[in-house]
Amino acid sequence: MSNILIIKHGSLGDIAQISGAIQDIKENHPNDKVFILTTSPYEKLFLKCPYIDEVYIDQRFSRLNLFYLLKLKRIISKLRLIKIYDLQNSSRTSFYRKF
């Protein structure tokens, strides 16, 4: 079993639009754990999603907040990911993929 991370912040409409993509990811990786990195307003929604195994919250502090970035880096590194799907595709999330 391997670990996969999906990154998605954004509005409720954005979240609704990616529901099919999340299902496809899980169906294409049936034996893997799928995690999502999102913002706190969507935590409960993703906790109910049958295709997500765990939810991680990005508090979206400034990228100048090195303590927060180190904490987030540790969390992501501990997951030992084989793949990251960045469904947000922003400068912030592309920075996270470098972890």
PDB file of N, CA and C in Angstrom:
ATOM      1  N   MET A   1       0.849  -1.173   0.000  1.00  0.00           N
ATOM      2  CA  MET A   1       0.000   0.000   0.000  1.00  0.00           C
ATOM      3  C   MET A   1       0.895   1.236   0.000  1.00  0.00           C
ATOM      4  N   SER A   2       0.545   2.197  -0.828  1.00  0.00           N
ATOM      5  CA  SER A   2       1.275   3.455  -0.938  1.00  0.00           C
ATOM      6  C   SER A   2       0.363   4.606  -0.553  1.00  0.00           C
ATOM      7  N   ASN A   3       0.963   5.782  -0.445  1.00  0.00           N
ATOM      8  CA  ASN A   3       0.216   6.971  -0.033  1.00  0.00           C
ATOM      9  C   ASN A   3       0.200   8.008  -1.144  1.00  0.00           C
ATOM     10  N   ILE A   4      -0.965   8.600  -1.337  1.00  0.00           N
ATOM     11  CA  ILE A   4      -1.180   9.616  -2.364  1.00  0.00           C
ATOM     12  C   ILE A   4      -1.788  10.840  -1.698  1.00  0.00           C
ATOM     13  N   LEU A   5      -1.334  12.020  -2.116  1.00  0.00           N
ATOM     14  CA  LEU A   5      -1.871  13.273  -1.584  1.00  0.00           C
ATOM     15  C   LEU A   5      -2.568  14.043  -2.693  1.00  0.00           C
ATOM     16  N   ILE A   6      -3.753  14.529  -2.377  1.00  0.00           N
ATOM     17  CA  ILE A   6      -4.472  15.459  -3.243  1.00  0.00           C
ATOM     18  C   ILE A   6      -4.443  16.807  -2.540  1.00  0.00           C
ATOM     19  N   ILE A   7      -4.084  17.851  -3.262  1.00  0.00           N
ATOM     20  CA  ILE A   7      -4.084  19.199  -2.703  1.00  0.00           C
ATOM     21  C   ILE A   7      -5.231  19.964  -3.343  1.00  0.00           C
ATOM     22  N   LYS A   8      -6.115  20.503  -2.500  1.00  0.00           N
ATOM     23  CA  LYS A   8      -7.214  21.323  -3.018  1.00  0.00           C
ATOM     24  C   LYS A   8      -7.678  22.295  -1.961  1.00  0.00           C
ATOM     25  N   HIS A   9      -7.484  23.563  -2.217  1.00  0.00           N
ATOM     26  CA  HIS A   9      -8.065  24.643  -1.417  1.00  0.00           C
ATOM     27  C   HIS A   9      -9.233  25.168  -2.248  1.00  0.00           C
ATOM     28  N   GLY A  10      -9.677  26.353  -1.979  1.00  0.00           N
ATOM     29  CA  GLY A  10     -10.638  26.959  -2.887  1.00  0.00           C
ATOM     30  C   GLY A  10     -12.045  27.030  -2.349  1.00  0.00           C
ATOM     31  N   SER A  11     -12.929  27.399  -3.230  1.00  0.00           N
ATOM     32  CA  SER A  11     -14.323  27.629  -2.855  1.00  0.00           C
ATOM     33  C   SER A  11     -15.135  26.340  -2.947  1.00  0.00           C
ATOM     34  N   LEU A  12     -16.340  26.392  -2.430  1.00  0.00           N
ATOM     35  CA  LEU A  12     -17.217  25.222  -2.438  1.00  0.00           C
ATOM     36  C   LEU A  12     -17.494  24.747  -3.865  1.00  0.00           C
ATOM     37  N   GLY A  13     -17.658  25.685  -4.780  1.00  0.00           N
ATOM     38  CA  GLY A  13     -17.876  25.314  -6.182  1.00  0.00           C
ATOM     39  C   GLY A  13     -16.694  24.549  -6.754  1.00  0.00           C
ATOM     40  N   ASP A  14     -15.482  24.990  -6.407  1.00  0.00           N
ATOM     41  CA  ASP A  14     -14.277  24.280  -6.843  1.00  0.00           C
ATOM     42  C   ASP A  14     -14.247  22.865  -6.285  1.00  0.00           C
ATOM     43  N   ILE A  15     -14.637  22.738  -5.019  1.00  0.00           N
ATOM     44  CA  ILE A  15     -14.640  21.430  -4.364  1.00  0.00           C
ATOM     45  C   ILE A  15     -15.640  20.501  -5.063  1.00  0.00           C
ATOM     46  N   ALA A  16     -16.817  21.028  -5.391  1.00  0.00           N
ATOM     47  CA  ALA A  16     -17.832  20.214  -6.075  1.00  0.00           C
ATOM     48  C   ALA A  16     -17.332  19.744  -7.439  1.00  0.00           C
ATOM     49  N   GLN A  17     -16.589  20.597  -8.126  1.00  0.00           N
ATOM     50  CA  GLN A  17     -16.108  20.251  -9.464  1.00  0.00           C
ATOM     51  C   GLN A  17     -15.070  19.137  -9.456  1.00  0.00           C
ATOM     52  N   ILE A  18     -14.349  18.967  -8.352  1.00  0.00           N
ATOM     53  CA  ILE A  18     -13.297  17.955  -8.333  1.00  0.00           C
ATOM     54  C   ILE A  18     -13.755  16.615  -7.768  1.00  0.00           C
ATOM     55  N   SER A  19     -15.019  16.502  -7.390  1.00  0.00           N
ATOM     56  CA  SER A  19     -15.479  15.249  -6.773  1.00  0.00           C
ATOM     57  C   SER A  19     -15.263  14.052  -7.705  1.00  0.00           C
ATOM     58  N   GLY A  20     -15.488  14.226  -8.983  1.00  0.00           N
ATOM     59  CA  GLY A  20     -15.253  13.145  -9.939  1.00  0.00           C
ATOM     60  C   GLY A  20     -13.778  12.788 -10.055  1.00  0.00           C
ATOM     61  N   ALA A  21     -12.925  13.803 -10.004  1.00  0.00           N
ATOM     62  CA  ALA A  21     -11.479  13.555 -10.076  1.00  0.00           C
ATOM     63  C   ALA A  21     -11.004  12.770  -8.859  1.00  0.00           C
ATOM     64  N   ILE A  22     -11.532  13.106  -7.686  1.00  0.00           N
ATOM     65  CA  ILE A  22     -11.161  12.383  -6.464  1.00  0.00           C
ATOM     66  C   ILE A  22     -11.590  10.922  -6.574  1.00  0.00           C
ATOM     67  N   GLN A  23     -12.786  10.689  -7.069  1.00  0.00           N
ATOM     68  CA  GLN A  23     -13.269   9.317  -7.256  1.00  0.00           C
ATOM     69  C   GLN A  23     -12.373   8.565  -8.240  1.00  0.00           C
ATOM     70  N   ASP A  24     -12.009   9.208  -9.344  1.00  0.00           N
ATOM     71  CA  ASP A  24     -11.136   8.572 -10.336  1.00  0.00           C
ATOM     72  C   ASP A  24      -9.774   8.224  -9.745  1.00  0.00           C
ATOM     73  N   ILE A  25      -9.230   9.131  -8.947  1.00  0.00           N
ATOM     74  CA  ILE A  25      -7.924   8.880  -8.323  1.00  0.00           C
ATOM     75  C   ILE A  25      -8.002   7.645  -7.436  1.00  0.00           C
ATOM     76  N   LYS A  26      -9.017   7.577  -6.593  1.00  0.00           N
ATOM     77  CA  LYS A  26      -9.157   6.427  -5.693  1.00  0.00           C
ATOM     78  C   LYS A  26      -9.402   5.135  -6.473  1.00  0.00           C
ATOM     79  N   GLU A  27     -10.218   5.198  -7.499  1.00  0.00           N
ATOM     80  CA  GLU A  27     -10.504   3.996  -8.285  1.00  0.00           C
ATOM     81  C   GLU A  27      -9.280   3.512  -9.063  1.00  0.00           C
ATOM     82  N   ASN A  28      -8.383   4.429  -9.425  1.00  0.00           N
ATOM     83  CA  ASN A  28      -7.156   4.050 -10.117  1.00  0.00           C
ATOM     84  C   ASN A  28      -6.041   3.638  -9.164  1.00  0.00           C
ATOM     85  N   HIS A  29      -6.250   3.868  -7.881  1.00  0.00           N
ATOM     86  CA  HIS A  29      -5.283   3.479  -6.844  1.00  0.00           C
ATOM     87  C   HIS A  29      -6.045   2.783  -5.715  1.00  0.00           C
ATOM     88  N   PRO A  30      -6.729   1.675  -6.002  1.00  0.00           N
ATOM     89  CA  PRO A  30      -7.625   1.068  -5.008  1.00  0.00           C
ATOM     90  C   PRO A  30      -6.928   0.540  -3.756  1.00  0.00           C
ATOM     91  N   ASN A  31      -5.661   0.190  -3.863  1.00  0.00           N
ATOM     92  CA  ASN A  31      -4.952  -0.356  -2.709  1.00  0.00           C
ATOM     93  C   ASN A  31      -4.128   0.685  -1.965  1.00  0.00           C
ATOM     94  N   ASP A  32      -4.217   1.939  -2.386  1.00  0.00           N
ATOM     95  CA  ASP A  32      -3.432   3.008  -1.780  1.00  0.00           C
ATOM     96  C   ASP A  32      -4.295   3.864  -0.868  1.00  0.00           C
ATOM     97  N   LYS A  33      -3.630   4.519   0.066  1.00  0.00           N
ATOM     98  CA  LYS A  33      -4.329   5.473   0.927  1.00  0.00           C
ATOM     99  C   LYS A  33      -4.307   6.831   0.235  1.00  0.00           C
ATOM    100  N   VAL A  34      -5.441   7.497   0.235  1.00  0.00           N
ATOM    101  CA  VAL A  34      -5.554   8.812  -0.395  1.00  0.00           C
ATOM    102  C   VAL A  34      -5.817   9.845   0.692  1.00  0.00           C
ATOM    103  N   PHE A  35      -4.923  10.818   0.768  1.00  0.00           N
ATOM    104  CA  PHE A  35      -5.032  11.916   1.720  1.00  0.00           C
ATOM    105  C   PHE A  35      -5.367  13.186   0.952  1.00  0.00           C
ATOM    106  N   ILE A  36      -5.978  14.141   1.636  1.00  0.00           N
ATOM    107  CA  ILE A  36      -6.225  15.440   1.010  1.00  0.00           C
ATOM    108  C   ILE A  36      -5.726  16.539   1.928  1.00  0.00           C
ATOM    109  N   LEU A  37      -5.100  17.543   1.324  1.00  0.00           N
ATOM    110  CA  LEU A  37      -4.672  18.749   2.026  1.00  0.00           C
ATOM    111  C   LEU A  37      -5.605  19.858   1.573  1.00  0.00           C
ATOM    112  N   THR A  38      -6.376  20.395   2.496  1.00  0.00           N
ATOM    113  CA  THR A  38      -7.386  21.394   2.163  1.00  0.00           C
ATOM    114  C   THR A  38      -7.450  22.435   3.273  1.00  0.00           C
ATOM    115  N   THR A  39      -8.399  23.328   3.196  1.00  0.00           N
ATOM    116  CA  THR A  39      -8.573  24.340   4.237  1.00  0.00           C
ATOM    117  C   THR A  39      -9.691  23.915   5.185  1.00  0.00           C
ATOM    118  N   SER A  40      -9.703  24.513   6.358  1.00  0.00           N
ATOM    119  CA  SER A  40     -10.615  24.067   7.420  1.00  0.00           C
ATOM    120  C   SER A  40     -12.105  24.122   7.063  1.00  0.00           C
ATOM    121  N   PRO A  41     -12.588  25.056   6.230  1.00  0.00           N
ATOM    122  CA  PRO A  41     -14.024  25.037   5.928  1.00  0.00           C
ATOM    123  C   PRO A  41     -14.500  23.748   5.247  1.00  0.00           C
ATOM    124  N   TYR A  42     -13.579  22.997   4.643  1.00  0.00           N
ATOM    125  CA  TYR A  42     -13.965  21.811   3.879  1.00  0.00           C
ATOM    126  C   TYR A  42     -13.580  20.505   4.569  1.00  0.00           C
ATOM    127  N   GLU A  43     -13.064  20.601   5.785  1.00  0.00           N
ATOM    128  CA  GLU A  43     -12.631  19.399   6.506  1.00  0.00           C
ATOM    129  C   GLU A  43     -13.775  18.400   6.686  1.00  0.00           C
ATOM    130  N   LYS A  44     -14.903  18.858   7.203  1.00  0.00           N
ATOM    131  CA  LYS A  44     -16.026  17.941   7.465  1.00  0.00           C
ATOM    132  C   LYS A  44     -16.561  17.323   6.175  1.00  0.00           C
ATOM    133  N   LEU A  45     -16.578  18.097   5.121  1.00  0.00           N
ATOM    134  CA  LEU A  45     -17.042  17.586   3.829  1.00  0.00           C
ATOM    135  C   LEU A  45     -16.155  16.437   3.349  1.00  0.00           C
ATOM    136  N   PHE A  46     -14.840  16.631   3.424  1.00  0.00           N
ATOM    137  CA  PHE A  46     -13.924  15.591   2.960  1.00  0.00           C
ATOM    138  C   PHE A  46     -13.858  14.406   3.914  1.00  0.00           C
ATOM    139  N   LEU A  47     -14.122  14.621   5.189  1.00  0.00           N
ATOM    140  CA  LEU A  47     -14.150  13.501   6.135  1.00  0.00           C
ATOM    141  C   LEU A  47     -15.276  12.522   5.796  1.00  0.00           C
ATOM    142  N   LYS A  48     -16.325  13.021   5.147  1.00  0.00           N
ATOM    143  CA  LYS A  48     -17.454  12.173   4.755  1.00  0.00           C
ATOM    144  C   LYS A  48     -17.271  11.538   3.375  1.00  0.00           C
ATOM    145  N   CYS A  49     -16.240  11.952   2.672  1.00  0.00           N
ATOM    146  CA  CYS A  49     -16.013  11.442   1.315  1.00  0.00           C
ATOM    147  C   CYS A  49     -15.451  10.019   1.383  1.00  0.00           C
ATOM    148  N   PRO A  50     -16.100   9.061   0.732  1.00  0.00           N
ATOM    149  CA  PRO A  50     -15.635   7.670   0.804  1.00  0.00           C
ATOM    150  C   PRO A  50     -14.318   7.410   0.068  1.00  0.00           C
ATOM    151  N   TYR A  51     -13.855   8.365  -0.726  1.00  0.00           N
ATOM    152  CA  TYR A  51     -12.634   8.181  -1.504  1.00  0.00           C
ATOM    153  C   TYR A  51     -11.408   8.786  -0.827  1.00  0.00           C
ATOM    154  N   ILE A  52     -11.610   9.437   0.312  1.00  0.00           N
ATOM    155  CA  ILE A  52     -10.527  10.077   1.059  1.00  0.00           C
ATOM    156  C   ILE A  52     -10.321   9.313   2.358  1.00  0.00           C
ATOM    157  N   ASP A  53      -9.072   8.942   2.627  1.00  0.00           N
ATOM    158  CA  ASP A  53      -8.765   8.197   3.850  1.00  0.00           C
ATOM    159  C   ASP A  53      -8.451   9.111   5.034  1.00  0.00           C
ATOM    160  N   GLU A  54      -7.789  10.231   4.767  1.00  0.00           N
ATOM    161  CA  GLU A  54      -7.474  11.180   5.838  1.00  0.00           C
ATOM    162  C   GLU A  54      -7.462  12.592   5.279  1.00  0.00           C
ATOM    163  N   VAL A  55      -7.789  13.544   6.146  1.00  0.00           N
ATOM    164  CA  VAL A  55      -7.825  14.956   5.766  1.00  0.00           C
ATOM    165  C   VAL A  55      -6.774  15.706   6.576  1.00  0.00           C
ATOM    166  N   TYR A  56      -5.981  16.509   5.882  1.00  0.00           N
ATOM    167  CA  TYR A  56      -5.001  17.376   6.530  1.00  0.00           C
ATOM    168  C   TYR A  56      -5.376  18.816   6.209  1.00  0.00           C
ATOM    169  N   ILE A  57      -5.224  19.670   7.206  1.00  0.00           N
ATOM    170  CA  ILE A  57      -5.631  21.070   7.065  1.00  0.00           C
ATOM    171  C   ILE A  57      -4.422  21.959   6.801  1.00  0.00           C
ATOM    172  N   ASP A  58      -4.543  22.775   5.783  1.00  0.00           N
ATOM    173  CA  ASP A  58      -3.554  23.816   5.504  1.00  0.00           C
ATOM    174  C   ASP A  58      -4.123  25.118   6.037  1.00  0.00           C
ATOM    175  N   GLN A  59      -3.458  25.681   7.016  1.00  0.00           N
ATOM    176  CA  GLN A  59      -3.945  26.926   7.610  1.00  0.00           C
ATOM    177  C   GLN A  59      -3.610  28.142   6.756  1.00  0.00           C
ATOM    178  N   ARG A  60      -2.840  27.933   5.721  1.00  0.00           N
ATOM    179  CA  ARG A  60      -2.516  28.957   4.726  1.00  0.00           C
ATOM    180  C   ARG A  60      -1.897  30.205   5.328  1.00  0.00           C
ATOM    181  N   PHE A  61      -0.995  29.986   6.278  1.00  0.00           N
ATOM    182  CA  PHE A  61      -0.221  31.110   6.787  1.00  0.00           C
ATOM    183  C   PHE A  61       0.721  31.586   5.685  1.00  0.00           C
ATOM    184  N   SER A  62       1.267  32.758   5.880  1.00  0.00           N
ATOM    185  CA  SER A  62       2.205  33.325   4.919  1.00  0.00           C
ATOM    186  C   SER A  62       3.369  32.367   4.675  1.00  0.00           C
ATOM    187  N   ARG A  63       3.864  32.366   3.450  1.00  0.00           N
ATOM    188  CA  ARG A  63       5.040  31.544   3.155  1.00  0.00           C
ATOM    189  C   ARG A  63       6.283  32.074   3.854  1.00  0.00           C
ATOM    190  N   LEU A  64       6.176  33.249   4.440  1.00  0.00           N
ATOM    191  CA  LEU A  64       7.285  33.789   5.227  1.00  0.00           C
ATOM    192  C   LEU A  64       7.296  33.219   6.640  1.00  0.00           C
ATOM    193  N   ASN A  65       6.238  32.520   7.011  1.00  0.00           N
ATOM    194  CA  ASN A  65       6.141  31.890   8.329  1.00  0.00           C
ATOM    195  C   ASN A  65       6.887  30.550   8.269  1.00  0.00           C
ATOM    196  N   LEU A  66       8.179  30.606   8.536  1.00  0.00           N
ATOM    197  CA  LEU A  66       9.021  29.425   8.387  1.00  0.00           C
ATOM    198  C   LEU A  66       8.659  28.312   9.360  1.00  0.00           C
ATOM    199  N   PHE A  67       8.209  28.669  10.556  1.00  0.00           N
ATOM    200  CA  PHE A  67       7.817  27.641  11.525  1.00  0.00           C
ATOM    201  C   PHE A  67       6.642  26.817  10.991  1.00  0.00           C
ATOM    202  N   TYR A  68       5.683  27.497  10.413  1.00  0.00           N
ATOM    203  CA  TYR A  68       4.535  26.783   9.852  1.00  0.00           C
ATOM    204  C   TYR A  68       4.959  25.910   8.672  1.00  0.00           C
ATOM    205  N   LEU A  69       5.792  26.458   7.799  1.00  0.00           N
ATOM    206  CA  LEU A  69       6.232  25.682   6.639  1.00  0.00           C
ATOM    207  C   LEU A  69       7.009  24.439   7.056  1.00  0.00           C
ATOM    208  N   LEU A  70       7.840  24.565   8.078  1.00  0.00           N
ATOM    209  CA  LEU A  70       8.578  23.398   8.568  1.00  0.00           C
ATOM    210  C   LEU A  70       7.634  22.352   9.148  1.00  0.00           C
ATOM    211  N   LYS A  71       6.622  22.816   9.873  1.00  0.00           N
ATOM    212  CA  LYS A  71       5.633  21.893  10.434  1.00  0.00           C
ATOM    213  C   LYS A  71       4.890  21.165   9.313  1.00  0.00           C
ATOM    214  N   LEU A  72       4.454  21.907   8.312  1.00  0.00           N
ATOM    215  CA  LEU A  72       3.741  21.310   7.181  1.00  0.00           C
ATOM    216  C   LEU A  72       4.653  20.353   6.408  1.00  0.00           C
ATOM    217  N   LYS A  73       5.905  20.735   6.243  1.00  0.00           N
ATOM    218  CA  LYS A  73       6.870  19.870   5.555  1.00  0.00           C
ATOM    219  C   LYS A  73       7.037  18.555   6.303  1.00  0.00           C
ATOM    220  N   ARG A  74       7.122  18.607   7.629  1.00  0.00           N
ATOM    221  CA  ARG A  74       7.254  17.385   8.432  1.00  0.00           C
ATOM    222  C   ARG A  74       6.033  16.477   8.256  1.00  0.00           C
ATOM    223  N   ILE A  75       4.863  17.091   8.288  1.00  0.00           N
ATOM    224  CA  ILE A  75       3.625  16.313   8.124  1.00  0.00           C
ATOM    225  C   ILE A  75       3.608  15.620   6.763  1.00  0.00           C
ATOM    226  N   ILE A  76       3.898  16.373   5.715  1.00  0.00           N
ATOM    227  CA  ILE A  76       3.877  15.813   4.364  1.00  0.00           C
ATOM    228  C   ILE A  76       4.968  14.760   4.192  1.00  0.00           C
ATOM    229  N   SER A  77       6.145  15.017   4.731  1.00  0.00           N
ATOM    230  CA  SER A  77       7.251  14.062   4.606  1.00  0.00           C
ATOM    231  C   SER A  77       6.949  12.742   5.298  1.00  0.00           C
ATOM    232  N   LYS A  78       6.268  12.797   6.437  1.00  0.00           N
ATOM    233  CA  LYS A  78       5.934  11.575   7.178  1.00  0.00           C
ATOM    234  C   LYS A  78       4.974  10.674   6.402  1.00  0.00           C
ATOM    235  N   LEU A  79       4.240  11.245   5.481  1.00  0.00           N
ATOM    236  CA  LEU A  79       3.284  10.456   4.703  1.00  0.00           C
ATOM    237  C   LEU A  79       3.964   9.538   3.687  1.00  0.00           C
ATOM    238  N   ARG A  80       5.205   9.836   3.353  1.00  0.00           N
ATOM    239  CA  ARG A  80       5.958   9.038   2.371  1.00  0.00           C
ATOM    240  C   ARG A  80       5.134   8.803   1.104  1.00  0.00           C
ATOM    241  N   LEU A  81       4.858   9.892   0.461  1.00  0.00           N
ATOM    242  CA  LEU A  81       3.969   9.886  -0.701  1.00  0.00           C
ATOM    243  C   LEU A  81       4.653   9.333  -1.943  1.00  0.00           C
ATOM    244  N   ILE A  82       3.893   8.628  -2.745  1.00  0.00           N
ATOM    245  CA  ILE A  82       4.398   8.198  -4.052  1.00  0.00           C
ATOM    246  C   ILE A  82       3.914   9.128  -5.159  1.00  0.00           C
ATOM    247  N   LYS A  83       2.838   9.860  -4.885  1.00  0.00           N
ATOM    248  CA  LYS A  83       2.262  10.738  -5.902  1.00  0.00           C
ATOM    249  C   LYS A  83       1.510  11.869  -5.226  1.00  0.00           C
ATOM    250  N   ILE A  84       1.585  13.050  -5.847  1.00  0.00           N
ATOM    251  CA  ILE A  84       0.818  14.210  -5.391  1.00  0.00           C
ATOM    252  C   ILE A  84       0.004  14.717  -6.573  1.00  0.00           C
ATOM    253  N   TYR A  85      -1.290  14.846  -6.359  1.00  0.00           N
ATOM    254  CA  TYR A  85      -2.181  15.454  -7.348  1.00  0.00           C
ATOM    255  C   TYR A  85      -2.511  16.851  -6.853  1.00  0.00           C
ATOM    256  N   ASP A  86      -2.004  17.853  -7.539  1.00  0.00           N
ATOM    257  CA  ASP A  86      -2.248  19.243  -7.157  1.00  0.00           C
ATOM    258  C   ASP A  86      -3.438  19.754  -7.965  1.00  0.00           C
ATOM    259  N   LEU A  87      -4.621  19.649  -7.388  1.00  0.00           N
ATOM    260  CA  LEU A  87      -5.832  20.091  -8.081  1.00  0.00           C
ATOM    261  C   LEU A  87      -6.092  21.575  -7.882  1.00  0.00           C
ATOM    262  N   GLN A  88      -5.278  22.227  -7.078  1.00  0.00           N
ATOM    263  CA  GLN A  88      -5.384  23.668  -6.886  1.00  0.00           C
ATOM    264  C   GLN A  88      -4.546  24.399  -7.929  1.00  0.00           C
ATOM    265  N   ASN A  89      -3.337  23.889  -8.149  1.00  0.00           N
ATOM    266  CA  ASN A  89      -2.424  24.428  -9.151  1.00  0.00           C
ATOM    267  C   ASN A  89      -2.167  25.925  -8.984  1.00  0.00           C
ATOM    268  N   SER A  90      -1.824  26.315  -7.771  1.00  0.00           N
ATOM    269  CA  SER A  90      -1.477  27.711  -7.493  1.00  0.00           C
ATOM    270  C   SER A  90       0.010  27.795  -7.166  1.00  0.00           C
ATOM    271  N   SER A  91       0.530  29.004  -7.071  1.00  0.00           N
ATOM    272  CA  SER A  91       1.947  29.148  -6.712  1.00  0.00           C
ATOM    273  C   SER A  91       2.199  28.589  -5.316  1.00  0.00           C
ATOM    274  N   ARG A  92       1.230  28.729  -4.427  1.00  0.00           N
ATOM    275  CA  ARG A  92       1.374  28.191  -3.067  1.00  0.00           C
ATOM    276  C   ARG A  92       1.486  26.669  -3.099  1.00  0.00           C
ATOM    277  N   THR A  93       0.582  26.019  -3.795  1.00  0.00           N
ATOM    278  CA  THR A  93       0.581  24.558  -3.780  1.00  0.00           C
ATOM    279  C   THR A  93       1.722  23.977  -4.611  1.00  0.00           C
ATOM    280  N   SER A  94       2.161  24.685  -5.635  1.00  0.00           N
ATOM    281  CA  SER A  94       3.326  24.193  -6.378  1.00  0.00           C
ATOM    282  C   SER A  94       4.567  24.261  -5.497  1.00  0.00           C
ATOM    283  N   PHE A  95       4.600  25.223  -4.586  1.00  0.00           N
ATOM    284  CA  PHE A  95       5.681  25.312  -3.602  1.00  0.00           C
ATOM    285  C   PHE A  95       5.639  24.103  -2.673  1.00  0.00           C
ATOM    286  N   TYR A  96       4.453  23.690  -2.255  1.00  0.00           N
ATOM    287  CA  TYR A  96       4.305  22.523  -1.377  1.00  0.00           C
ATOM    288  C   TYR A  96       4.798  21.246  -2.047  1.00  0.00           C
ATOM    289  N   ARG A  97       4.592  21.124  -3.332  1.00  0.00           N
ATOM    290  CA  ARG A  97       5.006  19.905  -4.037  1.00  0.00           C
ATOM    291  C   ARG A  97       6.512  19.712  -3.988  1.00  0.00           C
ATOM    292  N   LYS A  98       7.250  20.780  -3.728  1.00  0.00           N
ATOM    293  CA  LYS A  98       8.710  20.687  -3.644  1.00  0.00           C
ATOM    294  C   LYS A  98       9.165  20.041  -2.346  1.00  0.00           C
ATOM    295  N   PHE A  99       8.248  19.881  -1.392  1.00  0.00           N
ATOM    296  CA  PHE A  99       8.596  19.236  -0.119  1.00  0.00           C
ATOM    297  C   PHE A  99       8.992  17.816  -0.404  1.00  0.00           C
TER     298      PHE A  99
END
